[in-house]
Amino acid sequence: MSASTTTPAAPRRGSFARRFVGYQVVAWLALLALTIGHPWATVAMLLLIAYVTAPILLLVRWRGWPFYPGATFRVLVVRVTLYVQLLLPIVAGAAVSGMLVGAFFHAPLAGGRWSAGVAFAVVVAFLVAGYVGSRWLSIRSFDVTIPGLPAALDGLRVVQISDLHVGPHIPRRFLRGVRSAIDRFTPDLIAVTGDLIDDRWEDVERYAEFFGDLRAPLGVFAIAGNHDVYAGWDEVARELARLTNSIVLVNDARIVERGGASLAVVGVGDPAGRGRRWGGGGAAHVAPDVARAYAKVPRGVPVLALAHNPALWPELAAHGASLTLSGHTHWGQFAIPAADWSLASLFLPHAMGIHREGRSLLYIHPGTGYWGIPFRIGARPQVALLVLRGGAEPAITGRS
């Protein structure tokens, strides 16, 4: 890459870093002000600042962890840091507001402490509810009507899981529950639509412990998600081939048959492959190439497309995909399904649920695991069963 291409990015990164540091200093000073007159509280606050700031500085300095972060490190260091960083702007903002209001009554510290305390209690209650939601597995079943579906494929059962983000920090009990739900559906085909692991290629071993021996009559298909790319796709793909029965599709297709009828399973790469990995080095070979993925699809064969990022759906629909299964958005891990709204809806045109474009259908899975902190409200972790049906009009309908 030429110097003219890379030079403009440096000031933007530096500017963001300066703003971030400035925000941290102001927020922490606001909270430190609340400890005035209480030396032990000041010491405790300074220790907390060091505890949650050092990992951020080291992560940036090392451009990733130079060691494999085990469960204890991810829970007690990474997760605590994320929780505190989520709380910081809300509690610090409440503290400043409370001090300003309290100043009118000649009690700025009392006002700040009360305001910060209330904000802290409300947010902690919200996070606890989200933690419970992240463990509350949803089992959903859908009928998918595909016009022109061969009779032999009517009733074909596809199970989709997505965004597991498996790592040593994910409870074994939860992963066993996911596996049990998959087995209970007795699927004909299993689709794992990306982000199988968290952020390290070594996490594939934990994934394989629970899902490596998955089998289905027509196959277990997996595609790359952005986190699989960040983790080092070459290593991830190698370990998946070594430890699992999955057929990994990257801009590729497989033709499966039942009762003499054919179904094309198309898997595309992920847009994360277009950029640069955190530690440097490209992953262009896993970037999406829909035309290449369709090269093996015979004319007239219905297509089940797997694309981690739903932003790829319009191109897949233009190529004639009957049904596209995606994930990636997690529905923002905070959603109001009755209003067809999620936190991800603020940023993405296709953020959750069911969509139709002409004769092409899209289902965006809310994810089976979580990323960052264990938090889900209105977007419960899911194992989905999609039963293919013939019919006149394309549709996806839920059923009990």
Protein backbone atom coordinates (compact mmCIF):
# COMPACT_ATOMS: atom_id res chain seq x y z
CA MET A 1 0.00 0.00 0.00
CA SER A 2 1.38 3.39 -0.93
CA ALA A 3 2.31 6.09 1.56
CA SER A 4 -0.35 8.37 0.05
CA THR A 5 -3.00 5.81 0.97
CA THR A 6 -1.94 5.27 4.58
CA THR A 7 -0.85 8.77 5.63
CA PRO A 8 -4.35 10.35 6.04
CA ALA A 9 -5.45 7.63 8.47
CA ALA A 10 -2.77 8.45 11.06
CA PRO A 11 -4.18 11.86 12.09
CA ARG A 12 -7.66 10.38 12.42
CA ARG A 13 -6.36 7.64 14.72
CA GLY A 14 -4.35 10.18 16.72
CA SER A 15 -7.33 12.51 16.98
CA PHE A 16 -9.56 9.70 18.23
CA ALA A 17 -6.94 8.65 20.78
CA ARG A 18 -6.67 12.20 22.12
CA ARG A 19 -10.44 12.54 22.42
CA PHE A 20 -10.70 9.17 24.15
CA VAL A 21 -7.98 10.03 26.65
CA GLY A 22 -9.57 13.42 27.28
CA TYR A 23 -12.97 11.82 27.90
CA GLN A 24 -11.43 9.29 30.31
CA VAL A 25 -9.63 11.99 32.29
CA VAL A 26 -12.74 14.18 32.61
CA ALA A 27 -15.03 11.26 33.55
CA TRP A 28 -12.70 9.83 36.16
CA LEU A 29 -11.98 13.27 37.66
CA ALA A 30 -15.73 13.76 38.07
CA LEU A 31 -15.99 10.50 40.00
CA LEU A 32 -12.83 11.20 42.01
CA ALA A 33 -14.37 14.49 43.09
CA LEU A 34 -17.14 12.54 44.80
CA THR A 35 -14.58 10.90 47.12
CA ILE A 36 -13.33 14.21 48.56
CA GLY A 37 -13.18 13.88 52.33
CA HIS A 38 -13.06 10.08 52.20
CA PRO A 39 -9.42 8.99 51.73
CA TRP A 40 -10.17 5.29 51.54
CA ALA A 41 -12.78 5.90 48.85
CA THR A 42 -10.19 7.93 46.92
CA VAL A 43 -7.65 5.12 47.18
CA ALA A 44 -10.27 2.56 46.07
CA MET A 45 -11.22 4.76 43.09
CA LEU A 46 -7.57 5.16 42.04
CA LEU A 47 -7.05 1.40 42.24
CA LEU A 48 -10.16 0.84 40.10
CA ILE A 49 -8.91 3.34 37.53
CA ALA A 50 -5.58 1.52 37.32
CA TYR A 51 -7.30 -1.88 37.10
CA VAL A 52 -9.53 -1.01 34.16
CA THR A 53 -7.21 1.39 32.34
CA ALA A 54 -4.07 -0.76 32.24
CA PRO A 55 -5.68 -3.50 30.08
CA ILE A 56 -6.79 -0.91 27.50
CA LEU A 57 -3.33 0.63 27.30
CA LEU A 58 -1.65 -2.78 26.99
CA LEU A 59 -4.14 -4.00 24.41
CA VAL A 60 -3.44 -0.97 22.24
CA ARG A 61 0.30 -1.20 22.82
CA TRP A 62 0.46 -4.92 21.95
CA ARG A 63 -2.22 -4.75 19.21
CA GLY A 64 -3.91 -7.74 20.80
CA TRP A 65 -2.98 -10.04 23.65
CA PRO A 66 0.44 -11.69 23.14
CA PHE A 67 -0.83 -14.66 25.15
CA TYR A 68 -3.94 -16.81 25.06
CA PRO A 69 -6.47 -15.21 27.44
CA GLY A 70 -8.06 -17.94 29.53
CA ALA A 71 -11.44 -17.90 31.23
CA THR A 72 -10.21 -16.17 34.40
CA PHE A 73 -8.52 -13.37 32.49
CA ARG A 74 -11.50 -12.82 30.19
CA VAL A 75 -13.98 -12.69 33.08
CA LEU A 76 -12.00 -10.83 35.74
CA VAL A 77 -10.03 -8.48 33.51
CA VAL A 78 -11.65 -8.09 30.08
CA ARG A 79 -15.26 -8.34 31.23
CA VAL A 80 -14.77 -6.12 34.29
CA THR A 81 -13.10 -3.51 32.08
CA LEU A 82 -16.00 -3.60 29.64
CA TYR A 83 -18.58 -3.30 32.41
CA VAL A 84 -16.80 -0.33 33.97
CA GLN A 85 -16.39 1.40 30.60
CA LEU A 86 -20.13 0.99 29.99
CA LEU A 87 -20.95 2.43 33.41
CA LEU A 88 -18.42 5.26 33.25
CA PRO A 89 -20.17 7.78 30.95
CA ILE A 90 -23.57 7.24 32.59
CA VAL A 91 -22.43 7.44 36.21
CA ALA A 92 -19.93 10.24 35.56
CA GLY A 93 -22.54 12.19 33.60
CA ALA A 94 -25.04 11.73 36.43
CA ALA A 95 -22.40 12.86 38.94
CA VAL A 96 -21.70 16.08 37.04
CA SER A 97 -25.42 16.79 36.64
CA GLY A 98 -26.02 16.10 40.32
CA MET A 99 -23.19 18.40 41.37
CA LEU A 100 -24.54 21.20 39.20
CA VAL A 101 -28.04 20.84 40.67
CA GLY A 102 -26.65 20.41 44.18
CA ALA A 103 -24.65 23.62 43.83
CA PHE A 104 -27.92 25.59 43.86
CA PHE A 105 -28.55 24.15 47.34
CA HIS A 106 -24.93 24.66 48.46
CA ALA A 107 -24.35 20.90 48.48
CA PRO A 108 -22.65 19.93 45.19
CA LEU A 109 -20.94 16.82 46.53
CA ALA A 110 -24.13 15.49 48.12
CA GLY A 111 -26.03 16.09 44.90
CA GLY A 112 -23.36 14.40 42.82
CA ARG A 113 -23.18 11.39 45.13
CA TRP A 114 -26.94 10.86 45.18
CA SER A 115 -27.25 11.27 41.44
CA ALA A 116 -24.31 8.95 40.70
CA GLY A 117 -25.62 6.37 43.17
CA VAL A 118 -29.07 6.28 41.59
CA ALA A 119 -27.60 6.03 38.08
CA PHE A 120 -25.29 3.24 39.19
CA ALA A 121 -28.15 1.25 40.77
CA VAL A 122 -30.39 1.63 37.69
CA VAL A 123 -27.68 0.59 35.24
CA VAL A 124 -26.59 -2.38 37.37
CA ALA A 125 -30.21 -3.59 37.51
CA PHE A 126 -30.38 -3.24 33.71
CA LEU A 127 -27.14 -5.20 33.29
CA VAL A 128 -28.36 -7.96 35.61
CA ALA A 129 -31.54 -8.28 33.52
CA GLY A 130 -29.36 -8.47 30.41
CA TYR A 131 -27.21 -11.16 31.99
CA VAL A 132 -30.28 -13.29 32.68
CA GLY A 133 -31.44 -12.73 29.10
CA SER A 134 -28.11 -13.90 27.70
CA ARG A 135 -28.64 -17.30 29.34
CA TRP A 136 -32.33 -17.68 28.37
CA LEU A 137 -32.13 -19.77 25.22
CA SER A 138 -34.95 -19.34 22.70
CA ILE A 139 -35.99 -22.27 20.49
CA ARG A 140 -37.81 -20.98 17.39
CA SER A 141 -39.42 -22.80 14.47
CA PHE A 142 -40.33 -21.29 11.09
CA ASP A 143 -41.96 -22.44 7.88
CA VAL A 144 -40.16 -21.05 4.83
CA THR A 145 -42.27 -21.00 1.66
CA ILE A 146 -40.16 -21.15 -1.51
CA PRO A 147 -41.98 -20.99 -4.86
CA GLY A 148 -40.94 -23.79 -7.20
CA LEU A 149 -39.40 -25.88 -4.44
CA PRO A 150 -39.18 -29.50 -5.64
CA ALA A 151 -41.62 -31.79 -3.83
CA ALA A 152 -38.77 -33.96 -2.56
CA LEU A 153 -37.38 -30.95 -0.65
CA ASP A 154 -40.69 -30.05 0.95
CA GLY A 155 -40.29 -30.50 4.70
CA LEU A 156 -36.48 -30.29 4.65
CA ARG A 157 -35.35 -29.19 8.11
CA VAL A 158 -32.55 -26.64 8.45
CA VAL A 159 -31.20 -25.67 11.86
CA GLN A 160 -29.37 -22.37 12.13
CA ILE A 161 -27.08 -21.24 14.90
CA SER A 162 -25.01 -18.09 14.63
CA ASP A 163 -22.62 -15.82 16.51
CA LEU A 164 -21.74 -18.33 19.19
CA HIS A 165 -18.52 -16.45 20.03
CA VAL A 166 -17.30 -19.54 21.79
CA GLY A 167 -14.40 -19.11 24.20
CA PRO A 168 -13.41 -20.43 27.62
CA HIS A 169 -15.60 -17.76 29.27
CA ILE A 170 -18.86 -19.19 27.84
CA PRO A 171 -20.42 -21.56 30.42
CA ARG A 172 -20.33 -25.22 29.47
CA ARG A 173 -23.90 -25.64 30.68
CA PHE A 174 -25.12 -23.08 28.15
CA LEU A 175 -23.20 -24.70 25.29
CA ARG A 176 -24.58 -28.11 26.26
CA GLY A 177 -28.08 -26.61 26.13
CA VAL A 178 -27.45 -25.29 22.62
CA ARG A 179 -26.17 -28.67 21.50
CA SER A 180 -29.15 -30.44 23.05
CA ALA A 181 -31.58 -28.13 21.20
CA ILE A 182 -29.88 -28.83 17.87
CA ASP A 183 -30.02 -32.58 18.39
CA ARG A 184 -33.66 -32.41 19.46
CA PHE A 185 -34.65 -30.89 16.10
CA THR A 186 -33.12 -33.83 14.15
CA PRO A 187 -32.20 -31.51 11.25
CA ASP A 188 -31.49 -32.56 7.69
CA LEU A 189 -28.94 -29.75 7.38
CA ILE A 190 -27.16 -27.53 9.90
CA ALA A 191 -26.00 -23.97 9.11
CA VAL A 192 -23.52 -22.16 11.36
CA THR A 193 -23.55 -18.62 10.03
CA GLY A 194 -20.30 -17.15 11.29
CA ASP A 195 -18.58 -15.89 14.42
CA LEU A 196 -18.16 -19.43 15.65
CA ILE A 197 -15.48 -18.25 18.06
CA ASP A 198 -14.70 -15.13 20.05
CA ASP A 199 -11.39 -13.46 19.11
CA ARG A 200 -8.68 -16.15 19.14
CA TRP A 201 -8.13 -19.06 16.77
CA GLU A 202 -7.32 -21.22 19.81
CA ASP A 203 -11.01 -20.94 20.76
CA VAL A 204 -11.83 -23.44 17.99
CA GLU A 205 -10.84 -26.21 20.39
CA ARG A 206 -13.59 -25.18 22.83
CA TYR A 207 -16.06 -24.87 19.94
CA ALA A 208 -15.14 -28.37 18.73
CA GLU A 209 -15.65 -29.78 22.23
CA PHE A 210 -19.38 -29.14 21.91
CA PHE A 211 -20.05 -28.90 18.17
CA GLY A 212 -17.18 -30.71 16.48
CA ASP A 213 -19.10 -33.96 16.09
CA LEU A 214 -22.33 -32.37 14.83
CA ARG A 215 -23.77 -34.38 11.95
CA ALA A 216 -26.76 -34.05 9.64
CA PRO A 217 -27.78 -36.17 6.63
CA LEU A 218 -27.12 -33.33 4.15
CA GLY A 219 -24.17 -31.85 6.01
CA VAL A 220 -23.04 -29.30 8.59
CA PHE A 221 -22.06 -26.06 6.85
CA ALA A 222 -20.09 -23.20 8.39
CA ILE A 223 -19.04 -19.81 7.07
CA ALA A 224 -16.63 -17.13 8.25
CA GLY A 225 -17.79 -14.23 10.39
CA ASN A 226 -15.88 -11.06 11.09
CA HIS A 227 -14.59 -12.36 14.43
CA ASP A 228 -13.37 -15.54 12.76
CA VAL A 229 -11.42 -13.31 10.38
CA TYR A 230 -10.04 -11.14 13.19
CA ALA A 231 -8.91 -14.28 15.01
CA GLY A 232 -6.81 -15.30 11.99
CA TRP A 233 -8.89 -17.04 9.37
CA ASP A 234 -6.18 -19.36 8.07
CA GLU A 235 -5.65 -20.79 11.55
CA VAL A 236 -9.39 -20.92 12.26
CA ALA A 237 -10.10 -22.77 9.00
CA ARG A 238 -7.26 -25.19 9.66
CA GLU A 239 -8.55 -26.04 13.14
CA LEU A 240 -12.13 -26.39 11.95
CA ALA A 241 -10.97 -28.88 9.32
CA ARG A 242 -8.94 -30.78 11.90
CA LEU A 243 -11.42 -30.83 14.79
CA THR A 244 -14.92 -30.72 13.29
CA ASN A 245 -17.16 -32.37 10.69
CA SER A 246 -18.12 -28.98 9.24
CA ILE A 247 -18.00 -28.18 5.55
CA VAL A 248 -16.53 -24.68 5.50
CA LEU A 249 -17.76 -22.58 2.58
CA VAL A 250 -15.89 -19.42 1.62
CA ASN A 251 -17.20 -18.12 -1.71
CA ASP A 252 -18.07 -21.68 -2.56
CA ALA A 253 -21.10 -23.92 -3.01
CA ARG A 254 -22.16 -27.51 -2.50
CA ILE A 255 -25.05 -29.30 -4.16
CA VAL A 256 -26.98 -31.55 -1.80
CA GLU A 257 -29.69 -33.97 -2.85
CA ARG A 258 -32.78 -35.49 -1.29
CA GLY A 259 -35.17 -37.77 -3.13
CA GLY A 260 -33.52 -36.95 -6.44
CA ALA A 261 -33.99 -33.17 -6.00
CA SER A 262 -31.08 -30.74 -5.66
CA LEU A 263 -30.48 -27.81 -3.33
CA ALA A 264 -27.46 -25.51 -3.64
CA VAL A 265 -25.85 -24.38 -0.39
CA VAL A 266 -23.85 -21.22 -1.09
CA GLY A 267 -21.49 -19.70 1.46
CA VAL A 268 -19.85 -16.30 0.99
CA GLY A 269 -16.91 -14.68 2.72
CA ASP A 270 -17.12 -11.76 5.13
CA PRO A 271 -16.54 -8.04 4.48
CA ALA A 272 -13.99 -8.04 7.32
CA GLY A 273 -11.65 -9.74 4.84
CA ARG A 274 -11.53 -6.54 2.82
CA GLY A 275 -9.76 -4.67 5.62
CA ARG A 276 -6.66 -5.28 7.64
CA ARG A 277 -6.41 -7.56 10.63
CA TRP A 278 -5.77 -6.06 14.07
CA GLY A 279 -2.24 -7.36 14.14
CA GLY A 280 -1.57 -6.33 10.52
CA GLY A 281 -1.74 -8.43 7.40
CA GLY A 282 -4.68 -8.85 5.07
CA ALA A 283 -7.26 -11.57 4.69
CA ALA A 284 -8.47 -10.75 1.19
CA HIS A 285 -9.01 -14.43 0.36
CA VAL A 286 -11.97 -14.50 2.75
CA ALA A 287 -13.58 -11.29 1.46
CA PRO A 288 -17.03 -11.86 -0.14
CA ASP A 289 -17.17 -12.83 -3.82
CA VAL A 290 -20.77 -13.69 -4.67
CA ALA A 291 -20.11 -14.36 -8.36
CA ARG A 292 -17.42 -16.87 -7.48
CA ALA A 293 -19.67 -18.53 -4.90
CA TYR A 294 -22.39 -18.97 -7.54
CA ALA A 295 -20.05 -20.42 -10.17
CA LYS A 296 -20.92 -23.99 -9.11
CA VAL A 297 -24.69 -23.48 -8.92
CA PRO A 298 -26.64 -25.09 -11.79
CA ARG A 299 -29.39 -23.04 -13.37
CA GLY A 300 -32.83 -23.62 -11.88
CA VAL A 301 -31.62 -25.13 -8.58
CA PRO A 302 -33.04 -23.42 -5.45
CA VAL A 303 -30.33 -21.74 -3.38
CA LEU A 304 -29.85 -21.64 0.38
CA ALA A 305 -27.29 -18.86 0.87
CA LEU A 306 -25.24 -18.39 4.03
CA ALA A 307 -23.87 -14.89 4.60
CA HIS A 308 -22.77 -13.77 8.04
CA ASN A 309 -23.31 -10.09 7.29
CA PRO A 310 -26.86 -9.29 6.06
CA ALA A 311 -25.43 -6.39 4.05
CA LEU A 312 -24.57 -9.04 1.45
CA TRP A 313 -28.21 -10.05 0.97
CA PRO A 314 -29.14 -7.57 -1.82
CA GLU A 315 -26.37 -8.98 -4.03
CA LEU A 316 -27.36 -12.54 -3.18
CA ALA A 317 -31.00 -11.71 -3.92
CA ALA A 318 -29.96 -10.27 -7.29
CA HIS A 319 -28.28 -13.62 -8.06
CA GLY A 320 -31.52 -15.44 -7.21
CA ALA A 321 -30.97 -16.77 -3.69
CA SER A 322 -34.21 -18.33 -2.48
CA LEU A 323 -33.34 -18.05 1.21
CA THR A 324 -30.41 -16.27 2.85
CA LEU A 325 -29.48 -16.97 6.46
CA SER A 326 -27.45 -14.30 8.24
CA GLY A 327 -26.39 -13.22 11.70
CA HIS A 328 -23.80 -10.63 12.73
CA THR A 329 -26.12 -7.95 14.13
CA HIS A 330 -27.09 -9.77 17.38
CA TRP A 331 -30.18 -7.51 17.05
CA GLY A 332 -27.98 -5.10 18.99
CA GLN A 333 -28.40 -7.46 21.98
CA PHE A 334 -31.19 -5.03 22.90
CA ALA A 335 -34.43 -5.13 20.93
CA ILE A 336 -38.18 -4.59 20.98
CA PRO A 337 -39.37 -7.32 18.58
CA ALA A 338 -43.01 -6.20 18.72
CA ALA A 339 -41.95 -2.84 17.29
CA ASP A 340 -39.52 -4.45 14.84
CA TRP A 341 -36.76 -2.35 16.42
CA SER A 342 -33.35 -3.15 17.78
CA LEU A 343 -30.26 -1.22 18.75
CA ALA A 344 -28.73 -2.44 15.50
CA SER A 345 -31.60 -0.80 13.59
CA LEU A 346 -29.95 2.56 14.26
CA PHE A 347 -27.05 1.58 12.02
CA LEU A 348 -28.25 -1.07 9.55
CA PRO A 349 -31.09 -1.19 7.02
CA HIS A 350 -31.45 -4.95 7.58
CA ALA A 351 -30.90 -5.42 11.30
CA MET A 352 -33.22 -8.16 12.55
CA GLY A 353 -35.84 -10.73 11.68
CA ILE A 354 -37.50 -11.46 8.34
CA HIS A 355 -37.12 -9.58 5.05
CA ARG A 356 -38.30 -10.13 1.48
CA GLU A 357 -37.02 -8.74 -1.80
CA GLY A 358 -38.97 -10.02 -4.80
CA ARG A 359 -38.77 -13.79 -4.58
CA SER A 360 -35.79 -13.76 -2.21
CA LEU A 361 -36.06 -14.17 1.57
CA LEU A 362 -33.69 -13.20 4.38
CA TYR A 363 -33.67 -14.34 7.99
CA ILE A 364 -31.36 -12.44 10.35
CA HIS A 365 -30.65 -14.60 13.36
CA PRO A 366 -30.26 -12.79 16.72
CA GLY A 367 -27.22 -14.90 17.56
CA THR A 368 -26.75 -17.82 19.90
CA GLY A 369 -23.97 -16.42 22.06
CA TYR A 370 -22.99 -12.84 22.81
CA TRP A 371 -20.06 -10.52 22.32
CA GLY A 372 -18.42 -8.32 24.94
CA ILE A 373 -20.55 -8.72 28.03
CA PRO A 374 -23.27 -11.32 28.66
CA PHE A 375 -26.20 -9.03 27.92
CA ARG A 376 -29.42 -9.58 25.96
CA ILE A 377 -32.80 -7.92 26.40
CA GLY A 378 -35.49 -8.58 23.80
CA ALA A 379 -32.95 -10.43 21.68
CA ARG A 380 -32.67 -13.79 23.39
CA PRO A 381 -30.01 -16.26 22.21
CA GLN A 382 -31.59 -18.55 19.67
CA VAL A 383 -31.51 -21.93 17.97
CA ALA A 384 -33.73 -21.71 14.88
CA LEU A 385 -35.41 -24.45 12.87
CA LEU A 386 -36.44 -23.47 9.34
CA VAL A 387 -38.63 -25.98 7.51
CA LEU A 388 -38.67 -25.54 3.73
CA ARG A 389 -42.10 -25.64 2.07
CA GLY A 390 -43.35 -25.29 -1.48
CA GLY A 391 -45.92 -22.61 -2.25
CA ALA A 392 -46.96 -19.72 -4.44
CA GLU A 393 -45.53 -16.75 -2.53
CA PRO A 394 -42.18 -16.47 -0.68
CA ALA A 395 -42.71 -16.14 3.06
CA ILE A 396 -41.23 -16.97 6.44
CA THR A 397 -43.79 -17.59 9.16
CA GLY A 398 -43.27 -18.56 12.78
CA ARG A 399 -45.04 -21.55 14.26
CA SER A 400 -45.52 -22.94 17.74
